[in-house]
Amino acid sequence: MLCSTNKKVMVPGRPENVRVTKVEGNKVTLGWKAPQYNGTSIEHYEIQYVNESDPDGRLYSLKAEDLEIEINDLEYDTQYTFKVRANTSLGWGQFSTKVSVRTVQKAEGPLNGADGSVSNGETGIIAGSAVAVLLLLVMLAVMIAIFLRR
């Protein structure tokens, strides 16, 4: 007895709704939805990206297990283009549509660290202001107490 099937072995479809969910300094977070057709369970995703101002057009590649990834150590104030594809035991699917984003311009100033992040200077200003307000309240309470004793 012969047995035949008409099932096609298919690689996964394109990841859908690829989007930038967060841009912070030189970090970008991407999210996406799994392809509608997976064929079998997805093993991982590949994220490819390019720095649009790189004259050599180098292509970078990262691997993700989940439907979101944070990409660190990018250049500040730079345009990047990203695309995502899924991998299963049957092979690689097609890449998603591309999404582009510009990283944030590096902040300059005395309160910022060398990497553009806010340093403890801002925290010191807030703490100093809180102490000043507390001292004013104590002085006011002492003055009211002296006034009421008369």
N, C-alpha and C. Protein backbone atom coordinates (compact mmCIF):
# COMPACT_ATOMS: atom_id res chain seq x y z
N MET A 1 0.84 -1.18 0.00
CA MET A 1 0.00 0.00 0.00
C MET A 1 0.88 1.24 0.00
N LEU A 2 0.63 2.10 -0.93
CA LEU A 2 1.40 3.34 -1.03
C LEU A 2 0.66 4.45 -0.30
N CYS A 3 1.44 5.29 0.33
CA CYS A 3 0.86 6.41 1.07
C CYS A 3 1.50 7.69 0.55
N SER A 4 0.70 8.65 0.20
CA SER A 4 1.27 9.91 -0.28
C SER A 4 0.58 11.08 0.42
N THR A 5 1.29 12.16 0.49
CA THR A 5 0.72 13.37 1.07
C THR A 5 0.98 14.53 0.12
N ASN A 6 0.13 15.50 0.21
CA ASN A 6 0.28 16.71 -0.61
C ASN A 6 0.76 17.88 0.22
N LYS A 7 1.29 17.60 1.40
CA LYS A 7 1.75 18.68 2.27
C LYS A 7 3.05 19.27 1.73
N LYS A 8 3.10 20.58 1.71
CA LYS A 8 4.33 21.27 1.33
C LYS A 8 5.13 21.55 2.59
N VAL A 9 6.41 21.34 2.51
CA VAL A 9 7.29 21.71 3.62
C VAL A 9 7.65 23.17 3.41
N MET A 10 7.23 24.00 4.36
CA MET A 10 7.44 25.43 4.17
C MET A 10 8.24 26.03 5.32
N VAL A 11 9.10 26.93 4.97
CA VAL A 11 9.82 27.70 5.97
C VAL A 11 8.87 28.75 6.53
N PRO A 12 9.23 29.37 7.65
CA PRO A 12 8.31 30.36 8.24
C PRO A 12 8.11 31.58 7.35
N GLY A 13 6.97 32.22 7.55
CA GLY A 13 6.69 33.46 6.84
C GLY A 13 7.50 34.61 7.42
N ARG A 14 7.19 35.81 6.98
CA ARG A 14 7.87 37.01 7.47
C ARG A 14 7.35 37.39 8.85
N PRO A 15 8.24 37.81 9.76
CA PRO A 15 7.76 38.41 11.01
C PRO A 15 6.95 39.65 10.66
N GLU A 16 5.92 39.91 11.45
CA GLU A 16 5.01 41.00 11.15
C GLU A 16 5.13 42.13 12.17
N ASN A 17 4.67 43.29 11.76
CA ASN A 17 4.60 44.46 12.62
C ASN A 17 5.93 44.77 13.32
N VAL A 18 7.02 44.71 12.56
CA VAL A 18 8.32 45.07 13.12
C VAL A 18 8.29 46.56 13.40
N ARG A 19 8.64 46.93 14.63
CA ARG A 19 8.53 48.33 15.04
C ARG A 19 9.59 48.66 16.08
N VAL A 20 9.90 49.93 16.15
CA VAL A 20 10.79 50.45 17.20
C VAL A 20 9.90 50.76 18.39
N THR A 21 10.19 50.14 19.53
CA THR A 21 9.37 50.37 20.72
C THR A 21 10.01 51.36 21.68
N LYS A 22 11.33 51.59 21.51
CA LYS A 22 12.02 52.52 22.42
C LYS A 22 13.34 52.95 21.79
N VAL A 23 13.64 54.24 21.93
CA VAL A 23 14.94 54.78 21.53
C VAL A 23 15.44 55.57 22.73
N GLU A 24 16.60 55.18 23.23
CA GLU A 24 17.16 55.84 24.41
C GLU A 24 18.66 55.96 24.21
N GLY A 25 19.13 57.20 24.01
CA GLY A 25 20.56 57.41 23.80
C GLY A 25 21.03 56.65 22.58
N ASN A 26 21.97 55.73 22.79
CA ASN A 26 22.50 54.93 21.69
C ASN A 26 21.96 53.50 21.72
N LYS A 27 20.75 53.33 22.28
CA LYS A 27 20.08 52.03 22.34
C LYS A 27 18.74 52.10 21.63
N VAL A 28 18.40 51.02 20.94
CA VAL A 28 17.12 50.90 20.26
C VAL A 28 16.50 49.57 20.66
N THR A 29 15.21 49.58 20.97
CA THR A 29 14.48 48.34 21.24
C THR A 29 13.50 48.10 20.11
N LEU A 30 13.58 46.90 19.54
CA LEU A 30 12.68 46.48 18.46
C LEU A 30 11.72 45.42 18.98
N GLY A 31 10.51 45.41 18.45
CA GLY A 31 9.54 44.37 18.74
C GLY A 31 8.89 43.93 17.45
N TRP A 32 8.31 42.73 17.44
CA TRP A 32 7.64 42.21 16.26
C TRP A 32 6.68 41.10 16.67
N LYS A 33 5.85 40.70 15.72
CA LYS A 33 4.94 39.57 15.91
C LYS A 33 5.48 38.38 15.14
N ALA A 34 5.23 37.19 15.66
CA ALA A 34 5.67 35.97 14.98
C ALA A 34 4.99 35.86 13.63
N PRO A 35 5.62 35.19 12.68
CA PRO A 35 4.98 34.99 11.37
C PRO A 35 3.67 34.22 11.54
N GLN A 36 2.72 34.49 10.64
CA GLN A 36 1.45 33.77 10.71
C GLN A 36 1.64 32.28 10.46
N TYR A 37 2.51 31.95 9.52
CA TYR A 37 2.79 30.54 9.26
C TYR A 37 4.20 30.24 9.73
N ASN A 38 4.29 29.31 10.67
CA ASN A 38 5.61 28.94 11.20
C ASN A 38 6.09 27.60 10.66
N GLY A 39 5.19 26.75 10.19
CA GLY A 39 5.58 25.42 9.72
C GLY A 39 5.88 24.50 10.89
N THR A 40 6.66 24.96 11.79
CA THR A 40 7.03 24.27 13.02
C THR A 40 7.47 25.33 14.01
N SER A 41 7.85 24.97 15.19
CA SER A 41 8.18 26.00 16.20
C SER A 41 9.43 26.79 15.80
N ILE A 42 9.38 28.07 16.11
CA ILE A 42 10.50 28.95 15.78
C ILE A 42 11.62 28.73 16.78
N GLU A 43 12.81 28.53 16.25
CA GLU A 43 13.99 28.32 17.11
C GLU A 43 14.58 29.65 17.57
N HIS A 44 14.68 30.59 16.65
CA HIS A 44 15.16 31.93 17.00
C HIS A 44 14.92 32.87 15.83
N TYR A 45 15.22 34.14 16.10
CA TYR A 45 15.09 35.18 15.08
C TYR A 45 16.47 35.78 14.81
N GLU A 46 16.66 36.23 13.60
CA GLU A 46 17.88 36.97 13.24
C GLU A 46 17.47 38.40 12.96
N ILE A 47 18.19 39.33 13.57
CA ILE A 47 17.98 40.75 13.33
C ILE A 47 19.21 41.25 12.58
N GLN A 48 19.01 41.78 11.40
CA GLN A 48 20.11 42.38 10.65
C GLN A 48 19.88 43.87 10.61
N TYR A 49 20.99 44.62 10.76
CA TYR A 49 20.87 46.07 10.68
C TYR A 49 22.11 46.69 10.07
N VAL A 50 21.91 47.90 9.57
CA VAL A 50 22.99 48.63 8.93
C VAL A 50 22.96 50.08 9.41
N ASN A 51 24.13 50.63 9.62
CA ASN A 51 24.32 52.05 9.92
C ASN A 51 24.28 52.75 8.57
N GLU A 52 23.26 53.57 8.35
CA GLU A 52 23.07 54.19 7.03
C GLU A 52 24.18 55.16 6.65
N SER A 53 24.96 55.64 7.62
CA SER A 53 26.04 56.58 7.30
C SER A 53 27.39 55.87 7.17
N ASP A 54 27.42 54.56 7.28
CA ASP A 54 28.67 53.81 7.15
C ASP A 54 29.01 53.68 5.66
N PRO A 55 30.13 54.26 5.24
CA PRO A 55 30.47 54.21 3.81
C PRO A 55 30.72 52.79 3.31
N ASP A 56 31.09 51.88 4.20
CA ASP A 56 31.33 50.49 3.79
C ASP A 56 30.05 49.66 3.77
N GLY A 57 28.97 50.19 4.35
CA GLY A 57 27.69 49.49 4.36
C GLY A 57 27.72 48.16 5.11
N ARG A 58 28.53 48.09 6.17
CA ARG A 58 28.63 46.84 6.93
C ARG A 58 27.27 46.40 7.47
N LEU A 59 27.01 45.13 7.39
CA LEU A 59 25.77 44.54 7.86
C LEU A 59 26.05 43.84 9.18
N TYR A 60 25.28 44.18 10.21
CA TYR A 60 25.43 43.57 11.53
C TYR A 60 24.29 42.58 11.74
N SER A 61 24.54 41.53 12.51
CA SER A 61 23.54 40.50 12.73
C SER A 61 23.50 40.11 14.21
N LEU A 62 22.29 39.99 14.74
CA LEU A 62 22.07 39.56 16.12
C LEU A 62 21.05 38.44 16.13
N LYS A 63 21.05 37.67 17.21
CA LYS A 63 20.12 36.57 17.37
C LYS A 63 19.22 36.86 18.56
N ALA A 64 17.92 36.54 18.45
CA ALA A 64 16.97 36.75 19.54
C ALA A 64 16.08 35.52 19.68
N GLU A 65 15.78 35.18 20.92
CA GLU A 65 14.89 34.05 21.19
C GLU A 65 13.43 34.53 21.33
N ASP A 66 13.26 35.79 21.72
CA ASP A 66 11.94 36.34 22.00
C ASP A 66 11.48 37.27 20.88
N LEU A 67 10.35 37.92 21.11
CA LEU A 67 9.77 38.83 20.11
C LEU A 67 10.19 40.28 20.34
N GLU A 68 11.31 40.47 21.03
CA GLU A 68 11.82 41.82 21.31
C GLU A 68 13.31 41.72 21.56
N ILE A 69 14.02 42.77 21.20
CA ILE A 69 15.46 42.82 21.44
C ILE A 69 15.88 44.26 21.67
N GLU A 70 16.81 44.46 22.61
CA GLU A 70 17.42 45.77 22.83
C GLU A 70 18.80 45.72 22.19
N ILE A 71 19.06 46.65 21.31
CA ILE A 71 20.33 46.71 20.59
C ILE A 71 21.12 47.87 21.18
N ASN A 72 22.26 47.55 21.78
CA ASN A 72 23.08 48.53 22.50
C ASN A 72 24.30 48.95 21.69
N ASP A 73 24.98 49.94 22.21
CA ASP A 73 26.27 50.41 21.67
C ASP A 73 26.19 50.86 20.21
N LEU A 74 25.07 51.46 19.84
CA LEU A 74 24.96 52.07 18.52
C LEU A 74 25.60 53.46 18.58
N GLU A 75 25.80 54.06 17.44
CA GLU A 75 26.33 55.43 17.42
C GLU A 75 25.20 56.41 17.68
N TYR A 76 25.53 57.49 18.38
CA TYR A 76 24.54 58.53 18.66
C TYR A 76 24.19 59.27 17.37
N ASP A 77 22.96 59.80 17.33
CA ASP A 77 22.49 60.64 16.23
C ASP A 77 22.79 60.02 14.86
N THR A 78 22.42 58.75 14.71
CA THR A 78 22.73 58.01 13.50
C THR A 78 21.51 57.23 13.04
N GLN A 79 21.29 57.20 11.73
CA GLN A 79 20.17 56.47 11.14
C GLN A 79 20.54 55.00 10.97
N TYR A 80 19.68 54.10 11.45
CA TYR A 80 19.86 52.66 11.30
C TYR A 80 18.62 52.07 10.63
N THR A 81 18.83 50.99 9.86
CA THR A 81 17.73 50.25 9.26
C THR A 81 17.82 48.81 9.72
N PHE A 82 16.67 48.26 10.15
CA PHE A 82 16.60 46.91 10.72
C PHE A 82 15.63 46.05 9.93
N LYS A 83 15.89 44.73 9.93
CA LYS A 83 14.96 43.75 9.39
C LYS A 83 15.12 42.46 10.20
N VAL A 84 14.04 41.66 10.23
CA VAL A 84 13.99 40.47 11.09
C VAL A 84 13.51 39.28 10.27
N ARG A 85 14.07 38.10 10.56
CA ARG A 85 13.56 36.86 9.96
C ARG A 85 13.57 35.74 11.00
N ALA A 86 12.73 34.76 10.78
CA ALA A 86 12.59 33.63 11.71
C ALA A 86 13.30 32.40 11.18
N ASN A 87 13.74 31.55 12.12
CA ASN A 87 14.39 30.30 11.76
C ASN A 87 13.68 29.15 12.47
N THR A 88 13.41 28.09 11.71
CA THR A 88 12.86 26.87 12.28
C THR A 88 13.74 25.71 11.83
N SER A 89 13.37 24.51 12.23
CA SER A 89 14.12 23.33 11.80
C SER A 89 14.02 23.12 10.29
N LEU A 90 13.05 23.80 9.66
CA LEU A 90 12.88 23.69 8.21
C LEU A 90 13.69 24.73 7.44
N GLY A 91 14.26 25.70 8.14
CA GLY A 91 15.09 26.71 7.47
C GLY A 91 14.71 28.13 7.83
N TRP A 92 15.30 29.06 7.11
CA TRP A 92 15.08 30.49 7.33
C TRP A 92 13.88 30.97 6.54
N GLY A 93 13.11 31.84 7.17
CA GLY A 93 12.01 32.51 6.47
C GLY A 93 12.50 33.77 5.80
N GLN A 94 11.59 34.46 5.15
CA GLN A 94 11.93 35.72 4.49
C GLN A 94 12.07 36.82 5.53
N PHE A 95 12.83 37.84 5.16
CA PHE A 95 12.99 39.00 6.04
C PHE A 95 11.71 39.83 6.06
N SER A 96 11.50 40.47 7.19
CA SER A 96 10.38 41.40 7.36
C SER A 96 10.60 42.64 6.50
N THR A 97 9.60 43.48 6.47
CA THR A 97 9.82 44.79 5.87
C THR A 97 10.81 45.54 6.76
N LYS A 98 11.53 46.44 6.18
CA LYS A 98 12.55 47.19 6.92
C LYS A 98 11.92 48.30 7.75
N VAL A 99 12.58 48.61 8.86
CA VAL A 99 12.16 49.73 9.70
C VAL A 99 13.42 50.55 10.00
N SER A 100 13.29 51.86 9.91
CA SER A 100 14.44 52.75 10.15
C SER A 100 14.18 53.65 11.34
N VAL A 101 15.26 54.02 12.01
CA VAL A 101 15.18 54.90 13.17
C VAL A 101 16.51 55.63 13.34
N ARG A 102 16.44 56.82 13.90
CA ARG A 102 17.64 57.59 14.22
C ARG A 102 17.83 57.55 15.72
N THR A 103 19.05 57.22 16.15
CA THR A 103 19.35 57.24 17.58
C THR A 103 19.37 58.67 18.07
N VAL A 104 19.30 58.84 19.37
CA VAL A 104 19.23 60.16 20.00
C VAL A 104 20.59 60.83 19.95
N GLN A 105 20.56 62.14 19.80
CA GLN A 105 21.80 62.91 19.80
C GLN A 105 22.39 62.88 21.20
N LYS A 106 23.70 62.71 21.28
CA LYS A 106 24.38 62.64 22.57
C LYS A 106 24.26 63.99 23.28
N ALA A 107 23.78 63.93 24.52
CA ALA A 107 23.62 65.15 25.32
C ALA A 107 24.97 65.64 25.78
N GLU A 108 25.15 66.93 25.76
CA GLU A 108 26.40 67.55 26.23
C GLU A 108 26.10 68.38 27.45
N GLY A 109 27.05 68.51 28.34
CA GLY A 109 26.86 69.37 29.51
C GLY A 109 27.48 68.79 30.75
N PRO A 110 27.54 69.61 31.81
CA PRO A 110 28.23 69.19 33.03
C PRO A 110 27.53 68.08 33.80
N LEU A 111 26.22 67.88 33.59
CA LEU A 111 25.51 66.85 34.34
C LEU A 111 25.57 65.49 33.65
N ASN A 112 26.18 65.43 32.48
CA ASN A 112 26.19 64.19 31.73
C ASN A 112 27.53 63.50 31.80
N GLY A 113 27.47 62.16 31.85
CA GLY A 113 28.68 61.36 31.87
C GLY A 113 29.29 61.28 30.49
N ALA A 114 30.40 60.59 30.39
CA ALA A 114 31.11 60.47 29.12
C ALA A 114 30.28 59.75 28.07
N ASP A 115 29.36 58.88 28.50
CA ASP A 115 28.52 58.14 27.56
C ASP A 115 27.22 58.85 27.24
N GLY A 116 27.04 60.08 27.75
CA GLY A 116 25.82 60.83 27.48
C GLY A 116 24.73 60.60 28.50
N SER A 117 24.97 59.72 29.46
CA SER A 117 23.95 59.46 30.47
C SER A 117 23.99 60.53 31.55
N VAL A 118 22.87 60.69 32.24
CA VAL A 118 22.80 61.67 33.32
C VAL A 118 23.58 61.13 34.51
N SER A 119 24.43 61.97 35.07
CA SER A 119 25.25 61.54 36.19
C SER A 119 24.58 61.88 37.51
N ASN A 120 25.28 61.65 38.60
CA ASN A 120 24.73 61.91 39.92
C ASN A 120 24.60 63.40 40.22
N GLY A 121 25.06 64.30 39.37
CA GLY A 121 24.93 65.73 39.59
C GLY A 121 23.47 66.15 39.71
N GLU A 122 22.63 65.59 38.87
CA GLU A 122 21.20 65.91 38.92
C GLU A 122 20.59 65.40 40.22
N THR A 123 20.98 64.23 40.65
CA THR A 123 20.49 63.68 41.91
C THR A 123 20.92 64.56 43.08
N GLY A 124 22.14 65.09 43.02
CA GLY A 124 22.64 65.98 44.08
C GLY A 124 21.83 67.26 44.17
N ILE A 125 21.43 67.81 43.04
CA ILE A 125 20.62 69.03 43.04
C ILE A 125 19.26 68.76 43.68
N ILE A 126 18.67 67.64 43.34
CA ILE A 126 17.36 67.29 43.92
C ILE A 126 17.49 67.07 45.42
N ALA A 127 18.52 66.34 45.85
CA ALA A 127 18.72 66.08 47.28
C ALA A 127 18.99 67.39 48.03
N GLY A 128 19.80 68.27 47.47
CA GLY A 128 20.09 69.55 48.10
C GLY A 128 18.84 70.41 48.25
N SER A 129 17.99 70.40 47.23
CA SER A 129 16.74 71.15 47.30
C SER A 129 15.83 70.60 48.38
N ALA A 130 15.78 69.29 48.51
CA ALA A 130 14.94 68.67 49.53
C ALA A 130 15.44 69.05 50.93
N VAL A 131 16.74 69.07 51.14
CA VAL A 131 17.31 69.45 52.44
C VAL A 131 16.98 70.91 52.74
N ALA A 132 17.08 71.79 51.75
CA ALA A 132 16.78 73.20 51.95
C ALA A 132 15.32 73.40 52.35
N VAL A 133 14.41 72.70 51.71
CA VAL A 133 12.99 72.80 52.05
C VAL A 133 12.76 72.29 53.47
N LEU A 134 13.41 71.20 53.82
CA LEU A 134 13.26 70.65 55.17
C LEU A 134 13.76 71.64 56.22
N LEU A 135 14.90 72.28 55.97
CA LEU A 135 15.43 73.28 56.91
C LEU A 135 14.47 74.46 57.05
N LEU A 136 13.89 74.91 55.96
CA LEU A 136 12.92 76.01 56.03
C LEU A 136 11.71 75.62 56.87
N LEU A 137 11.24 74.39 56.71
CA LEU A 137 10.11 73.93 57.51
C LEU A 137 10.46 73.87 59.00
N VAL A 138 11.65 73.42 59.33
CA VAL A 138 12.09 73.37 60.74
C VAL A 138 12.17 74.79 61.31
N MET A 139 12.74 75.72 60.54
CA MET A 139 12.84 77.11 61.00
C MET A 139 11.45 77.71 61.21
N LEU A 140 10.53 77.42 60.33
CA LEU A 140 9.16 77.91 60.45
C LEU A 140 8.49 77.34 61.70
N ALA A 141 8.71 76.06 61.97
CA ALA A 141 8.13 75.43 63.16
C ALA A 141 8.69 76.05 64.44
N VAL A 142 10.00 76.34 64.46
CA VAL A 142 10.62 76.97 65.63
C VAL A 142 10.05 78.38 65.83
N MET A 143 9.89 79.13 64.77
CA MET A 143 9.36 80.49 64.88
C MET A 143 7.92 80.48 65.39
N ILE A 144 7.12 79.52 64.91
CA ILE A 144 5.73 79.41 65.38
C ILE A 144 5.70 79.05 66.84
N ALA A 145 6.58 78.13 67.27
CA ALA A 145 6.64 77.75 68.69
C ALA A 145 7.01 78.93 69.56
N ILE A 146 7.98 79.74 69.14
CA ILE A 146 8.39 80.93 69.91
C ILE A 146 7.24 81.92 69.96
N PHE A 147 6.57 82.15 68.86
CA PHE A 147 5.46 83.09 68.81
C PHE A 147 4.32 82.68 69.73
N LEU A 148 4.00 81.38 69.77
CA LEU A 148 2.90 80.88 70.58
C LEU A 148 3.21 80.93 72.08
N ARG A 149 4.45 80.91 72.51
CA ARG A 149 4.82 80.95 73.92
C ARG A 149 4.64 82.36 74.47
N ARG A 150 4.58 83.36 73.70
CA ARG A 150 4.46 84.75 74.18
C ARG A 150 3.09 85.05 74.60
